[in-house]
Amino acid sequence: MARKKPNPKAAFVLFNVLYEDGSQSSNRKVPSEILGGLDGDDPARTIIEEQDREIAERSGRSRGPIKSIARA
């Protein structure tokens, strides 16, 4: 059986997010093409904050500020 080649367009990096109120969110997906370079994982924080805003708009409940992020 032939193995499938990975699709570079669908590549994500997973992050665990710790909020200042002590809550945690696991396996948040961030596109891998925005990571790396001189900024390292800093762009991931921006993407995750944007995701949090979208979730807050839909649910009506906002998350607190992010304390730290780490690759899963």
Protein backbone atom coordinates (compact mmCIF):
# COMPACT_ATOMS: atom_id res chain seq x y z
CA MET A 1 0.00 0.00 0.00
CA ALA A 2 1.33 3.45 -0.87
CA ARG A 3 1.83 6.05 1.80
CA LYS A 4 0.18 9.43 1.40
CA LYS A 5 2.41 12.47 1.11
CA PRO A 6 1.82 15.11 3.77
CA ASN A 7 -0.12 18.12 2.61
CA PRO A 8 1.91 21.22 3.50
CA LYS A 9 -1.20 23.43 3.32
CA ALA A 10 -2.81 21.51 6.18
CA ALA A 11 0.20 21.68 8.54
CA PHE A 12 -0.59 22.98 12.00
CA VAL A 13 1.31 23.31 15.26
CA LEU A 14 -0.58 22.63 18.48
CA PHE A 15 -0.25 24.89 21.51
CA ASN A 16 -1.39 24.67 25.12
CA VAL A 17 -2.61 28.00 26.46
CA LEU A 18 -2.58 29.06 30.12
CA TYR A 19 -4.76 32.03 31.04
CA GLU A 20 -4.14 34.44 33.92
CA ASP A 21 -7.23 33.18 35.76
CA GLY A 22 -5.68 29.68 35.91
CA SER A 23 -7.80 28.09 33.18
CA GLN A 24 -6.14 26.15 30.41
CA SER A 25 -6.92 25.38 26.78
CA SER A 26 -5.16 22.49 25.07
CA ASN A 27 -4.27 21.69 21.47
CA ARG A 28 -5.01 25.07 19.91
CA LYS A 29 -4.18 24.90 16.19
CA VAL A 30 -1.90 27.52 14.62
CA PRO A 31 -0.79 27.35 10.96
CA SER A 32 2.88 26.36 10.84
CA GLU A 33 3.75 28.73 7.98
CA ILE A 34 3.48 31.78 10.27
CA LEU A 35 5.88 30.34 12.86
CA GLY A 36 9.67 30.36 12.87
CA GLY A 37 12.08 32.98 11.72
CA LEU A 38 13.23 35.69 14.08
CA ASP A 39 9.87 35.90 15.86
CA GLY A 40 9.79 32.21 16.80
CA ASP A 41 6.41 31.34 18.38
CA ASP A 42 5.38 34.96 19.08
CA PRO A 43 2.97 35.08 16.09
CA ALA A 44 1.09 32.13 17.64
CA ARG A 45 -0.02 34.33 20.54
CA THR A 46 -1.58 36.79 18.07
CA ILE A 47 -3.42 34.01 16.23
CA ILE A 48 -4.67 32.45 19.48
CA GLU A 49 -5.88 35.84 20.76
CA GLU A 50 -7.75 36.32 17.48
CA GLN A 51 -9.32 32.86 17.86
CA ASP A 52 -10.36 33.78 21.42
CA ARG A 53 -12.06 36.97 20.17
CA GLU A 54 -14.00 35.00 17.54
CA ILE A 55 -15.08 32.43 20.13
CA ALA A 56 -16.12 35.22 22.53
CA GLU A 57 -18.25 36.87 19.83
CA ARG A 58 -20.07 33.61 19.14
CA SER A 59 -20.54 32.50 22.74
CA GLY A 60 -20.94 35.86 24.44
CA ARG A 61 -18.30 34.90 27.04
CA SER A 62 -14.79 36.29 26.83
CA ARG A 63 -11.59 34.59 27.95
CA GLY A 64 -9.13 36.33 30.20
CA PRO A 65 -5.70 37.51 29.14
CA ILE A 66 -3.17 34.87 28.11
CA LYS A 67 -0.45 34.21 30.66
CA SER A 68 1.68 31.82 28.58
CA ILE A 69 1.66 29.52 25.58
CA ALA A 70 3.68 26.36 24.99
CA ARG A 71 3.90 23.90 22.13
CA ALA A 72 1.94 20.73 22.83
